């Protein structure tokens, strides 16, 4: 009997920081992800997400999240990929950190996004999980640039970027649900990245890199 990881090696990837475990979300993890999202991610008055997925009623939120996880997996290719990593803290699912790239072999650039349930916010975990994927991108994948973005009022996200050495990279206007927001783009390189004082532990990288066709 062949294993699922032999078909989809990314399932064996794990990034470990002092407080967190980051690993690809499997179908078995989806209920925990939905529960974390249902517990609340942001204040109701303002959403940090351009697509208002957190505003869906409970009976629609779960199916919508599952479809997103399956869509990212189904559209995954070495030329265009988004890897959705679940975040575990003290054996509890607390959020999601994604990292993705288009034409990585040529551009050596990744982009990131994330969410963290409200009860886990304010403790530096957002910076720790972002640092984990940036370290993996720079030190293991050989990326030259990591990019991110946030609404210009999102002080928490932009604060994480500033803490890690991201530099401002222009603004743009985007549709944000039914509103228009000014979005601040940021970027960091290995030269400007403010490395944490801990070492990232990576498991399952070799098979994941081969799957991504990254030498």
N, C-alpha and C. Protein backbone atom coordinates (compact mmCIF):
# COMPACT_ATOMS: atom_id res chain seq x y z
N UNK A 1 0.84 -1.19 0.00
CA UNK A 1 0.00 0.00 0.00
C UNK A 1 0.88 1.25 0.00
N UNK A 2 0.67 2.12 -0.94
CA UNK A 2 1.44 3.35 -0.97
C UNK A 2 0.84 4.35 0.01
N UNK A 3 1.66 5.26 0.50
CA UNK A 3 1.20 6.25 1.48
C UNK A 3 0.76 7.52 0.77
N UNK A 4 -0.05 8.32 1.47
CA UNK A 4 -0.49 9.60 0.91
C UNK A 4 0.68 10.53 0.70
N UNK A 5 1.67 10.49 1.59
CA UNK A 5 2.82 11.38 1.47
C UNK A 5 3.69 11.03 0.27
N UNK A 6 3.61 9.78 -0.21
CA UNK A 6 4.37 9.43 -1.42
C UNK A 6 3.70 10.02 -2.65
N UNK A 7 2.39 10.29 -2.55
CA UNK A 7 1.66 10.92 -3.65
C UNK A 7 1.75 12.44 -3.55
N UNK A 8 1.66 12.95 -2.33
CA UNK A 8 1.67 14.40 -2.08
C UNK A 8 2.69 14.67 -0.98
N UNK A 9 3.99 14.74 -1.32
CA UNK A 9 5.06 14.83 -0.32
C UNK A 9 4.97 16.05 0.59
N UNK A 10 4.25 17.07 0.19
CA UNK A 10 4.14 18.27 1.02
C UNK A 10 3.52 17.97 2.38
N UNK A 11 2.72 16.91 2.45
CA UNK A 11 2.09 16.57 3.72
C UNK A 11 3.11 16.24 4.81
N UNK A 12 4.33 15.89 4.43
CA UNK A 12 5.36 15.55 5.41
C UNK A 12 6.20 16.75 5.81
N UNK A 13 5.96 17.90 5.19
CA UNK A 13 6.72 19.09 5.54
C UNK A 13 6.27 19.61 6.91
N UNK A 14 7.23 19.96 7.75
CA UNK A 14 6.90 20.56 9.04
C UNK A 14 7.97 21.58 9.40
N UNK A 15 7.51 22.77 9.78
CA UNK A 15 8.40 23.83 10.25
C UNK A 15 8.12 24.02 11.74
N UNK A 16 9.17 24.02 12.55
CA UNK A 16 9.01 24.11 14.00
C UNK A 16 9.82 25.27 14.54
N UNK A 17 9.14 26.13 15.29
CA UNK A 17 9.76 27.27 15.97
C UNK A 17 9.71 26.98 17.47
N UNK A 18 10.22 27.88 18.31
CA UNK A 18 10.16 27.60 19.75
C UNK A 18 8.75 27.35 20.28
N UNK A 19 7.73 28.00 19.70
CA UNK A 19 6.38 27.86 20.24
C UNK A 19 5.37 27.25 19.28
N UNK A 20 5.73 27.11 18.02
CA UNK A 20 4.74 26.75 17.01
C UNK A 20 5.18 25.57 16.16
N UNK A 21 4.17 24.87 15.63
CA UNK A 21 4.38 23.90 14.56
C UNK A 21 3.56 24.36 13.36
N UNK A 22 4.19 24.38 12.20
CA UNK A 22 3.52 24.74 10.95
C UNK A 22 3.58 23.54 10.03
N UNK A 23 2.42 23.08 9.58
CA UNK A 23 2.41 21.95 8.66
C UNK A 23 1.19 22.06 7.74
N UNK A 24 1.30 21.51 6.53
CA UNK A 24 0.20 21.62 5.56
C UNK A 24 -1.12 21.10 6.12
N UNK A 25 -2.18 21.84 5.82
CA UNK A 25 -3.51 21.47 6.28
C UNK A 25 -4.03 20.29 5.48
N UNK A 26 -4.36 19.21 6.17
CA UNK A 26 -4.96 18.03 5.54
C UNK A 26 -6.48 18.09 5.71
N UNK A 27 -7.17 17.18 5.05
CA UNK A 27 -8.63 17.14 5.20
C UNK A 27 -9.02 16.91 6.66
N UNK A 28 -8.20 16.12 7.38
CA UNK A 28 -8.51 15.84 8.78
C UNK A 28 -8.37 17.08 9.66
N UNK A 29 -7.60 18.08 9.19
CA UNK A 29 -7.40 19.30 9.96
C UNK A 29 -8.48 20.36 9.72
N UNK A 30 -9.29 20.18 8.69
CA UNK A 30 -10.26 21.22 8.32
C UNK A 30 -11.24 21.53 9.45
N UNK A 31 -11.80 20.54 10.16
CA UNK A 31 -12.70 20.90 11.27
C UNK A 31 -12.03 21.78 12.32
N UNK A 32 -10.76 21.52 12.64
CA UNK A 32 -10.05 22.36 13.62
C UNK A 32 -9.85 23.76 13.09
N UNK A 33 -9.58 23.88 11.78
CA UNK A 33 -9.42 25.20 11.17
C UNK A 33 -10.73 25.97 11.22
N UNK A 34 -11.82 25.30 10.93
CA UNK A 34 -13.13 25.95 10.95
C UNK A 34 -13.48 26.40 12.37
N UNK A 35 -13.22 25.55 13.35
CA UNK A 35 -13.50 25.91 14.74
C UNK A 35 -12.70 27.14 15.16
N UNK A 36 -11.43 27.19 14.75
CA UNK A 36 -10.58 28.34 15.09
C UNK A 36 -11.13 29.61 14.46
N UNK A 37 -11.53 29.52 13.20
CA UNK A 37 -12.08 30.69 12.52
C UNK A 37 -13.40 31.13 13.15
N UNK A 38 -14.24 30.17 13.51
CA UNK A 38 -15.53 30.50 14.12
C UNK A 38 -15.35 31.20 15.47
N UNK A 39 -14.24 30.96 16.14
CA UNK A 39 -14.02 31.57 17.46
C UNK A 39 -13.77 33.06 17.37
N UNK A 40 -13.51 33.56 16.15
CA UNK A 40 -13.28 34.98 15.95
C UNK A 40 -11.84 35.28 15.55
N UNK A 41 -11.69 36.13 14.52
CA UNK A 41 -10.37 36.50 14.03
C UNK A 41 -10.15 38.00 14.13
N UNK A 42 -11.20 38.78 13.95
CA UNK A 42 -11.07 40.24 13.96
C UNK A 42 -12.37 40.87 14.45
N UNK A 43 -12.29 42.15 14.76
CA UNK A 43 -13.48 42.88 15.17
C UNK A 43 -14.47 42.94 14.01
N UNK A 44 -15.74 42.92 14.34
CA UNK A 44 -16.77 42.88 13.31
C UNK A 44 -16.82 44.16 12.48
N UNK A 45 -16.34 45.25 13.05
CA UNK A 45 -16.46 46.54 12.36
C UNK A 45 -15.57 46.65 11.13
N UNK A 46 -14.47 45.92 11.10
CA UNK A 46 -13.52 46.09 9.99
C UNK A 46 -12.79 44.78 9.72
N UNK A 47 -12.78 44.36 8.46
CA UNK A 47 -12.13 43.10 8.10
C UNK A 47 -10.76 43.34 7.49
N UNK A 48 -9.76 42.57 7.90
CA UNK A 48 -8.44 42.68 7.30
C UNK A 48 -8.31 41.90 5.99
N UNK A 49 -9.41 41.26 5.56
CA UNK A 49 -9.37 40.42 4.37
C UNK A 49 -10.12 41.07 3.22
N UNK A 50 -9.50 41.06 2.04
CA UNK A 50 -10.14 41.66 0.87
C UNK A 50 -11.38 40.88 0.44
N UNK A 51 -11.37 39.57 0.69
CA UNK A 51 -12.56 38.74 0.47
C UNK A 51 -13.20 38.48 1.83
N UNK A 52 -14.44 38.87 2.04
CA UNK A 52 -15.06 38.82 3.37
C UNK A 52 -15.50 37.42 3.80
N UNK A 53 -14.59 36.48 3.77
CA UNK A 53 -14.95 35.10 4.07
C UNK A 53 -15.33 34.88 5.53
N UNK A 54 -14.77 35.68 6.43
CA UNK A 54 -15.07 35.50 7.84
C UNK A 54 -16.47 35.97 8.20
N UNK A 55 -17.12 36.68 7.30
CA UNK A 55 -18.45 37.22 7.57
C UNK A 55 -19.56 36.25 7.17
N UNK A 56 -19.18 35.11 6.63
CA UNK A 56 -20.19 34.12 6.26
C UNK A 56 -20.84 33.51 7.50
N UNK A 57 -22.10 33.13 7.41
CA UNK A 57 -22.73 32.42 8.54
C UNK A 57 -22.05 31.08 8.75
N UNK A 58 -22.21 30.55 9.95
CA UNK A 58 -21.49 29.33 10.33
C UNK A 58 -21.73 28.18 9.36
N UNK A 59 -22.96 28.05 8.85
CA UNK A 59 -23.25 26.91 7.98
C UNK A 59 -22.62 27.05 6.60
N UNK A 60 -22.12 28.24 6.27
CA UNK A 60 -21.43 28.45 4.99
C UNK A 60 -19.92 28.58 5.16
N UNK A 61 -19.49 28.98 6.34
CA UNK A 61 -18.06 29.20 6.57
C UNK A 61 -17.24 27.93 6.35
N UNK A 62 -17.68 26.83 6.95
CA UNK A 62 -16.94 25.57 6.84
C UNK A 62 -16.79 25.10 5.40
N UNK A 63 -17.91 24.97 4.65
CA UNK A 63 -17.78 24.55 3.26
C UNK A 63 -16.91 25.50 2.43
N UNK A 64 -17.01 26.80 2.70
CA UNK A 64 -16.20 27.76 1.96
C UNK A 64 -14.71 27.57 2.24
N UNK A 65 -14.36 27.34 3.51
CA UNK A 65 -12.96 27.11 3.86
C UNK A 65 -12.46 25.81 3.22
N UNK A 66 -13.28 24.77 3.27
CA UNK A 66 -12.88 23.50 2.66
C UNK A 66 -12.65 23.66 1.17
N UNK A 67 -13.55 24.37 0.51
CA UNK A 67 -13.37 24.58 -0.94
C UNK A 67 -12.06 25.32 -1.23
N UNK A 68 -11.72 26.30 -0.39
CA UNK A 68 -10.47 27.05 -0.59
C UNK A 68 -9.26 26.14 -0.44
N UNK A 69 -9.24 25.29 0.59
CA UNK A 69 -8.12 24.37 0.78
C UNK A 69 -8.01 23.42 -0.40
N UNK A 70 -9.12 22.90 -0.86
CA UNK A 70 -9.09 21.97 -1.99
C UNK A 70 -8.70 22.67 -3.28
N UNK A 71 -9.17 23.92 -3.45
CA UNK A 71 -8.83 24.67 -4.66
C UNK A 71 -7.32 24.94 -4.72
N UNK A 72 -6.74 25.33 -3.60
CA UNK A 72 -5.29 25.58 -3.59
C UNK A 72 -4.52 24.30 -3.90
N UNK A 73 -4.95 23.19 -3.34
CA UNK A 73 -4.28 21.92 -3.58
C UNK A 73 -4.48 21.47 -5.02
N UNK A 74 -5.73 21.63 -5.52
CA UNK A 74 -6.04 21.18 -6.88
C UNK A 74 -5.34 21.98 -7.95
N UNK A 75 -5.08 23.28 -7.68
CA UNK A 75 -4.41 24.12 -8.67
C UNK A 75 -2.92 24.19 -8.49
N UNK A 76 -2.38 23.38 -7.59
CA UNK A 76 -0.97 23.44 -7.23
C UNK A 76 -0.09 22.93 -8.37
N UNK A 77 0.90 23.72 -8.74
CA UNK A 77 1.91 23.27 -9.71
C UNK A 77 3.21 23.96 -9.38
N UNK A 78 4.35 23.44 -9.83
CA UNK A 78 5.63 24.11 -9.55
C UNK A 78 5.69 25.53 -10.10
N UNK A 79 4.87 25.82 -11.10
CA UNK A 79 4.89 27.16 -11.71
C UNK A 79 3.97 28.15 -10.98
N UNK A 80 3.02 27.63 -10.20
CA UNK A 80 2.05 28.49 -9.54
C UNK A 80 1.50 27.73 -8.34
N UNK A 81 1.93 28.09 -7.14
CA UNK A 81 1.53 27.32 -5.98
C UNK A 81 1.25 28.20 -4.77
N UNK A 82 0.31 27.72 -3.95
CA UNK A 82 0.03 28.31 -2.66
C UNK A 82 -0.02 27.17 -1.64
N UNK A 83 0.86 27.24 -0.66
CA UNK A 83 0.95 26.21 0.37
C UNK A 83 0.31 26.75 1.64
N UNK A 84 -0.75 26.09 2.10
CA UNK A 84 -1.49 26.52 3.28
C UNK A 84 -1.01 25.71 4.48
N UNK A 85 -0.38 26.42 5.42
CA UNK A 85 0.19 25.76 6.60
C UNK A 85 -0.68 26.06 7.82
N UNK A 86 -1.15 25.01 8.47
CA UNK A 86 -1.85 25.19 9.73
C UNK A 86 -0.86 25.54 10.82
N UNK A 87 -1.31 26.31 11.81
CA UNK A 87 -0.46 26.72 12.92
C UNK A 87 -0.97 26.04 14.19
N UNK A 88 -0.08 25.28 14.83
CA UNK A 88 -0.42 24.62 16.09
C UNK A 88 0.42 25.21 17.22
N UNK A 89 -0.26 25.58 18.30
CA UNK A 89 0.39 26.10 19.50
C UNK A 89 -0.15 25.32 20.69
N UNK A 90 0.75 24.68 21.40
CA UNK A 90 0.35 23.82 22.53
C UNK A 90 -0.72 22.82 22.11
N UNK A 91 -0.50 22.24 20.91
CA UNK A 91 -1.33 21.18 20.32
C UNK A 91 -2.73 21.68 19.94
N UNK A 92 -2.91 22.98 19.86
CA UNK A 92 -4.18 23.55 19.43
C UNK A 92 -4.00 24.27 18.10
N UNK A 93 -4.96 24.09 17.19
CA UNK A 93 -4.93 24.80 15.91
C UNK A 93 -5.36 26.25 16.17
N UNK A 94 -4.48 27.21 15.79
CA UNK A 94 -4.77 28.61 16.11
C UNK A 94 -4.81 29.52 14.89
N UNK A 95 -4.47 29.01 13.70
CA UNK A 95 -4.49 29.89 12.53
C UNK A 95 -3.86 29.25 11.32
N UNK A 96 -3.63 30.07 10.32
CA UNK A 96 -3.09 29.58 9.05
C UNK A 96 -2.06 30.58 8.52
N UNK A 97 -0.97 30.06 8.04
CA UNK A 97 0.07 30.87 7.38
C UNK A 97 0.26 30.31 5.98
N UNK A 98 0.01 31.13 4.96
CA UNK A 98 0.24 30.63 3.62
C UNK A 98 1.50 31.26 3.03
N UNK A 99 2.10 30.52 2.13
CA UNK A 99 3.25 31.00 1.37
C UNK A 99 3.09 30.47 -0.04
N UNK A 100 3.33 31.31 -1.03
CA UNK A 100 3.12 30.89 -2.41
C UNK A 100 4.04 31.60 -3.36
N UNK A 101 4.02 31.15 -4.60
CA UNK A 101 4.89 31.75 -5.62
C UNK A 101 4.36 31.45 -7.01
N UNK A 102 4.67 32.34 -7.92
CA UNK A 102 4.45 32.11 -9.35
C UNK A 102 5.80 32.25 -10.05
N UNK A 103 6.09 31.30 -10.93
CA UNK A 103 7.36 31.32 -11.68
C UNK A 103 8.54 31.45 -10.73
N UNK A 104 8.53 30.64 -9.67
CA UNK A 104 9.58 30.76 -8.66
C UNK A 104 10.97 30.48 -9.22
N UNK A 105 11.09 29.54 -10.14
CA UNK A 105 12.40 29.20 -10.70
C UNK A 105 13.07 30.41 -11.31
N UNK A 106 12.28 31.31 -11.86
CA UNK A 106 12.83 32.52 -12.49
C UNK A 106 12.87 33.70 -11.52
N UNK A 107 11.78 33.94 -10.80
CA UNK A 107 11.65 35.16 -10.01
C UNK A 107 12.22 35.04 -8.59
N UNK A 108 12.29 33.82 -8.05
CA UNK A 108 12.79 33.60 -6.69
C UNK A 108 12.07 34.49 -5.68
N UNK A 109 10.77 34.63 -5.84
CA UNK A 109 9.97 35.50 -4.99
C UNK A 109 8.78 34.74 -4.44
N UNK A 110 8.54 34.90 -3.15
CA UNK A 110 7.37 34.30 -2.53
C UNK A 110 6.50 35.40 -1.94
N UNK A 111 5.23 35.08 -1.75
CA UNK A 111 4.31 36.00 -1.08
C UNK A 111 3.65 35.24 0.07
N UNK A 112 3.24 35.99 1.08
CA UNK A 112 2.67 35.35 2.26
C UNK A 112 1.38 36.05 2.69
N UNK A 113 0.57 35.32 3.42
CA UNK A 113 -0.63 35.85 4.05
C UNK A 113 -0.95 34.97 5.25
N UNK A 114 -1.80 35.44 6.14
CA UNK A 114 -2.05 34.65 7.34
C UNK A 114 -3.31 35.11 8.06
N UNK A 115 -3.76 34.28 8.98
CA UNK A 115 -4.75 34.68 9.97
C UNK A 115 -4.50 33.93 11.27
N UNK A 116 -4.91 34.55 12.34
CA UNK A 116 -4.70 34.00 13.68
C UNK A 116 -5.96 34.29 14.50
N UNK A 117 -6.46 33.29 15.19
CA UNK A 117 -7.67 33.54 15.97
C UNK A 117 -7.39 34.56 17.06
N UNK A 118 -8.40 35.32 17.43
CA UNK A 118 -8.21 36.47 18.33
C UNK A 118 -7.60 36.09 19.67
N UNK A 119 -7.97 34.95 20.22
CA UNK A 119 -7.46 34.58 21.54
C UNK A 119 -5.96 34.29 21.52
N UNK A 120 -5.38 34.12 20.32
CA UNK A 120 -3.94 33.85 20.21
C UNK A 120 -3.16 35.09 19.79
N UNK A 121 -3.87 36.20 19.57
CA UNK A 121 -3.20 37.41 19.11
C UNK A 121 -2.58 38.18 20.27
N UNK A 122 -1.63 39.06 19.93
CA UNK A 122 -1.00 39.91 20.93
C UNK A 122 0.12 39.27 21.71
N UNK A 123 0.60 38.10 21.26
CA UNK A 123 1.67 37.40 21.98
C UNK A 123 2.90 37.17 21.12
N UNK A 124 2.95 37.81 19.95
CA UNK A 124 4.10 37.65 19.07
C UNK A 124 4.08 36.41 18.22
N UNK A 125 2.96 35.67 18.24
CA UNK A 125 2.89 34.43 17.47
C UNK A 125 2.78 34.72 15.97
N UNK A 126 2.14 35.83 15.62
CA UNK A 126 2.04 36.20 14.21
C UNK A 126 3.40 36.46 13.60
N UNK A 127 4.27 37.14 14.33
CA UNK A 127 5.63 37.38 13.85
C UNK A 127 6.43 36.08 13.77
N UNK A 128 6.20 35.20 14.74
CA UNK A 128 6.94 33.94 14.78
C UNK A 128 6.57 33.04 13.60
N UNK A 129 5.29 32.99 13.26
CA UNK A 129 4.90 32.12 12.14
C UNK A 129 5.31 32.72 10.81
N UNK A 130 5.26 34.06 10.68
CA UNK A 130 5.76 34.68 9.44
C UNK A 130 7.26 34.46 9.31
N UNK A 131 7.99 34.65 10.41
CA UNK A 131 9.44 34.43 10.37
C UNK A 131 9.77 33.01 9.92
N UNK A 132 8.94 32.05 10.34
CA UNK A 132 9.20 30.65 9.99
C UNK A 132 9.16 30.44 8.48
N UNK A 133 8.12 30.96 7.82
CA UNK A 133 8.02 30.72 6.37
C UNK A 133 9.04 31.55 5.60
N UNK A 134 9.41 32.72 6.12
CA UNK A 134 10.44 33.52 5.45
C UNK A 134 11.80 32.83 5.57
N UNK A 135 12.09 32.30 6.75
CA UNK A 135 13.34 31.54 6.92
C UNK A 135 13.37 30.35 5.97
N UNK A 136 12.25 29.63 5.87
CA UNK A 136 12.20 28.48 4.96
C UNK A 136 12.41 28.93 3.53
N UNK A 137 11.78 30.04 3.15
CA UNK A 137 11.90 30.53 1.78
C UNK A 137 13.33 30.95 1.46
N UNK A 138 13.97 31.69 2.36
CA UNK A 138 15.32 32.19 2.10
C UNK A 138 16.39 31.09 2.23
N UNK A 139 16.34 30.35 3.33
CA UNK A 139 17.43 29.44 3.65
C UNK A 139 17.29 28.06 3.02
N UNK A 140 16.08 27.66 2.69
CA UNK A 140 15.85 26.32 2.18
C UNK A 140 15.42 26.31 0.71
N UNK A 141 14.59 27.27 0.33
CA UNK A 141 14.14 27.33 -1.07
C UNK A 141 15.05 28.19 -1.94
N UNK A 142 15.84 29.07 -1.31
CA UNK A 142 16.72 29.94 -2.08
C UNK A 142 16.03 31.17 -2.65
N UNK A 143 14.97 31.64 -1.98
CA UNK A 143 14.26 32.83 -2.45
C UNK A 143 15.12 34.07 -2.27
N UNK A 144 14.91 35.05 -3.15
CA UNK A 144 15.59 36.34 -3.07
C UNK A 144 14.72 37.42 -2.46
N UNK A 145 13.41 37.24 -2.51
CA UNK A 145 12.46 38.25 -2.04
C UNK A 145 11.25 37.56 -1.42
N UNK A 146 10.74 38.15 -0.33
CA UNK A 146 9.45 37.74 0.23
C UNK A 146 8.57 38.98 0.29
N UNK A 147 7.36 38.87 -0.22
CA UNK A 147 6.45 40.00 -0.29
C UNK A 147 5.20 39.74 0.54
N UNK A 148 4.57 40.82 0.98
CA UNK A 148 3.29 40.72 1.67
C UNK A 148 2.55 42.04 1.46
N UNK A 149 1.35 42.12 1.99
CA UNK A 149 0.58 43.34 1.88
C UNK A 149 -0.50 43.35 2.95
N UNK A 150 -1.00 44.56 3.24
CA UNK A 150 -2.08 44.70 4.22
C UNK A 150 -2.75 46.03 3.97
N UNK A 151 -4.02 46.13 4.36
CA UNK A 151 -4.69 47.42 4.31
C UNK A 151 -3.88 48.42 5.12
N UNK A 152 -3.83 49.67 4.68
CA UNK A 152 -2.94 50.63 5.32
C UNK A 152 -3.33 50.95 6.76
N UNK A 153 -4.55 50.57 7.18
CA UNK A 153 -4.95 50.77 8.57
C UNK A 153 -4.61 49.58 9.47
N UNK A 154 -4.13 48.48 8.87
CA UNK A 154 -3.90 47.25 9.62
C UNK A 154 -2.55 47.32 10.33
N UNK A 155 -2.54 48.00 11.46
CA UNK A 155 -1.30 48.23 12.19
C UNK A 155 -0.66 46.93 12.67
N UNK A 156 -1.47 45.94 13.02
CA UNK A 156 -0.91 44.69 13.53
C UNK A 156 -0.08 43.97 12.47
N UNK A 157 -0.66 43.81 11.27
CA UNK A 157 0.06 43.14 10.20
C UNK A 157 1.29 43.92 9.77
N UNK A 158 1.14 45.23 9.61
CA UNK A 158 2.27 46.04 9.20
C UNK A 158 3.33 46.10 10.29
N UNK A 159 2.91 45.98 11.54
CA UNK A 159 3.87 45.93 12.64
C UNK A 159 4.71 44.67 12.60
N UNK A 160 4.09 43.53 12.26
CA UNK A 160 4.84 42.29 12.09
C UNK A 160 5.87 42.45 10.98
N UNK A 161 5.44 43.05 9.87
CA UNK A 161 6.36 43.26 8.74
C UNK A 161 7.52 44.13 9.16
N UNK A 162 7.25 45.20 9.87
CA UNK A 162 8.31 46.11 10.30
C UNK A 162 9.28 45.41 11.25
N UNK A 163 8.75 44.61 12.16
CA UNK A 163 9.58 43.88 13.11
C UNK A 163 10.57 42.96 12.40
N UNK A 164 10.15 42.38 11.27
CA UNK A 164 10.98 41.42 10.56
C UNK A 164 11.85 42.07 9.47
N UNK A 165 11.80 43.38 9.35
CA UNK A 165 12.69 44.06 8.42
C UNK A 165 12.12 44.33 7.04
N UNK A 166 10.81 44.13 6.88
CA UNK A 166 10.19 44.44 5.59
C UNK A 166 10.29 45.94 5.32
N UNK A 167 10.42 46.30 4.07
CA UNK A 167 10.44 47.68 3.64
C UNK A 167 9.18 48.00 2.84
N UNK A 168 8.72 49.25 2.92
CA UNK A 168 7.55 49.66 2.16
C UNK A 168 7.83 49.55 0.67
N UNK A 169 6.81 49.10 -0.08
CA UNK A 169 7.01 48.81 -1.49
C UNK A 169 5.85 49.33 -2.33
N UNK A 170 5.34 50.51 -1.95
CA UNK A 170 4.28 51.14 -2.72
C UNK A 170 2.90 50.77 -2.24
N UNK A 171 1.90 51.51 -2.72
CA UNK A 171 0.51 51.26 -2.36
C UNK A 171 -0.32 51.06 -3.62
N UNK A 172 -1.47 50.46 -3.42
CA UNK A 172 -2.43 50.29 -4.51
C UNK A 172 -3.83 50.35 -3.91
N UNK A 173 -4.83 50.56 -4.76
CA UNK A 173 -6.22 50.53 -4.32
C UNK A 173 -6.84 49.21 -4.76
N UNK A 174 -7.56 48.59 -3.82
CA UNK A 174 -8.17 47.30 -4.11
C UNK A 174 -9.62 47.30 -3.64
N UNK A 175 -10.42 46.48 -4.33
CA UNK A 175 -11.77 46.20 -3.85
C UNK A 175 -11.66 45.37 -2.58
N UNK A 176 -12.36 45.80 -1.55
CA UNK A 176 -12.29 45.14 -0.23
C UNK A 176 -13.72 44.84 0.18
N UNK A 177 -14.22 43.71 -0.29
CA UNK A 177 -15.64 43.46 -0.13
C UNK A 177 -16.39 44.45 -0.99
N UNK A 178 -17.23 45.25 -0.37
CA UNK A 178 -17.98 46.27 -1.11
C UNK A 178 -17.34 47.65 -0.98
N UNK A 179 -16.16 47.72 -0.34
CA UNK A 179 -15.48 48.98 -0.13
C UNK A 179 -14.20 49.03 -0.98
N UNK A 180 -13.55 50.18 -0.96
CA UNK A 180 -12.24 50.35 -1.59
C UNK A 180 -11.24 50.68 -0.49
N UNK A 181 -10.12 49.97 -0.47
CA UNK A 181 -9.09 50.22 0.53
C UNK A 181 -7.76 50.54 -0.14
N UNK A 182 -6.96 51.33 0.55
CA UNK A 182 -5.57 51.53 0.15
C UNK A 182 -4.74 50.42 0.78
N UNK A 183 -4.01 49.70 -0.05
CA UNK A 183 -3.25 48.54 0.40
C UNK A 183 -1.76 48.86 0.34
N UNK A 184 -1.09 48.63 1.46
CA UNK A 184 0.35 48.86 1.55
C UNK A 184 1.09 47.56 1.22
N UNK A 185 1.93 47.61 0.22
CA UNK A 185 2.76 46.47 -0.13
C UNK A 185 4.10 46.58 0.58
N UNK A 186 4.66 45.44 0.98
CA UNK A 186 5.95 45.40 1.67
C UNK A 186 6.78 44.26 1.11
N UNK A 187 8.09 44.38 1.25
CA UNK A 187 9.00 43.33 0.77
C UNK A 187 10.21 43.24 1.68
N UNK A 188 10.80 42.06 1.74
CA UNK A 188 12.02 41.85 2.51
C UNK A 188 12.95 40.94 1.71
N UNK A 189 14.23 41.14 1.87
CA UNK A 189 15.25 40.32 1.22
C UNK A 189 16.13 39.70 2.29
N UNK A 190 16.97 38.74 1.93
CA UNK A 190 17.88 38.18 2.94
C UNK A 190 18.76 39.25 3.59
N UNK A 191 19.09 40.31 2.87
CA UNK A 191 19.95 41.36 3.41
C UNK A 191 19.23 42.23 4.43
N UNK A 192 17.91 42.42 4.27
CA UNK A 192 17.17 43.30 5.18
C UNK A 192 16.38 42.54 6.25
N UNK A 193 16.26 41.23 6.09
CA UNK A 193 15.49 40.41 7.02
C UNK A 193 16.11 40.46 8.42
N UNK A 194 15.28 40.76 9.42
CA UNK A 194 15.73 40.75 10.81
C UNK A 194 15.48 39.36 11.38
N UNK A 195 16.54 38.59 11.38
CA UNK A 195 16.41 37.18 11.77
C UNK A 195 16.09 37.04 13.25
N UNK A 196 15.23 36.09 13.58
CA UNK A 196 14.93 35.84 14.99
C UNK A 196 16.15 35.22 15.68
N UNK A 197 16.10 35.19 17.00
CA UNK A 197 17.22 34.63 17.76
C UNK A 197 17.05 33.14 18.02
N UNK A 198 16.23 32.50 17.19
CA UNK A 198 16.05 31.06 17.30
C UNK A 198 16.28 30.42 15.94
N UNK A 199 16.46 29.12 15.94
CA UNK A 199 16.73 28.37 14.71
C UNK A 199 15.48 27.59 14.30
N UNK A 200 15.13 27.71 13.04
CA UNK A 200 13.98 26.97 12.51
C UNK A 200 14.36 25.52 12.28
N UNK A 201 13.52 24.61 12.74
CA UNK A 201 13.71 23.20 12.45
C UNK A 201 12.78 22.81 11.31
N UNK A 202 13.33 22.17 10.29
CA UNK A 202 12.56 21.80 9.10
C UNK A 202 12.63 20.30 8.89
N UNK A 203 11.49 19.67 8.72
CA UNK A 203 11.41 18.25 8.40
C UNK A 203 10.66 18.08 7.09
N UNK A 204 11.07 17.11 6.31
CA UNK A 204 10.38 16.80 5.07
C UNK A 204 10.69 17.75 3.92
N UNK A 205 11.76 18.53 4.05
CA UNK A 205 12.03 19.54 3.02
C UNK A 205 12.47 18.93 1.69
N UNK A 206 13.32 17.94 1.73
CA UNK A 206 13.91 17.42 0.49
C UNK A 206 12.82 16.93 -0.47
N UNK A 207 11.87 16.16 0.02
CA UNK A 207 10.80 15.67 -0.84
C UNK A 207 9.90 16.81 -1.31
N UNK A 208 9.65 17.79 -0.41
CA UNK A 208 8.82 18.94 -0.78
C UNK A 208 9.49 19.75 -1.88
N UNK A 209 10.79 19.99 -1.75
CA UNK A 209 11.52 20.76 -2.76
C UNK A 209 11.54 20.04 -4.09
N UNK A 210 11.68 18.72 -4.07
CA UNK A 210 11.64 17.95 -5.31
C UNK A 210 10.27 18.06 -5.96
N UNK A 211 9.23 18.01 -5.15
CA UNK A 211 7.86 18.15 -5.65
C UNK A 211 7.66 19.52 -6.29
N UNK A 212 8.28 20.54 -5.72
CA UNK A 212 8.21 21.91 -6.25
C UNK A 212 9.21 22.15 -7.38
N UNK A 213 10.03 21.14 -7.67
CA UNK A 213 11.08 21.24 -8.70
C UNK A 213 12.05 22.37 -8.39
N UNK A 214 12.41 22.43 -7.10
CA UNK A 214 13.40 23.39 -6.64
C UNK A 214 14.66 22.63 -6.28
N UNK A 215 15.77 22.99 -6.88
CA UNK A 215 17.02 22.26 -6.63
C UNK A 215 17.48 22.52 -5.21
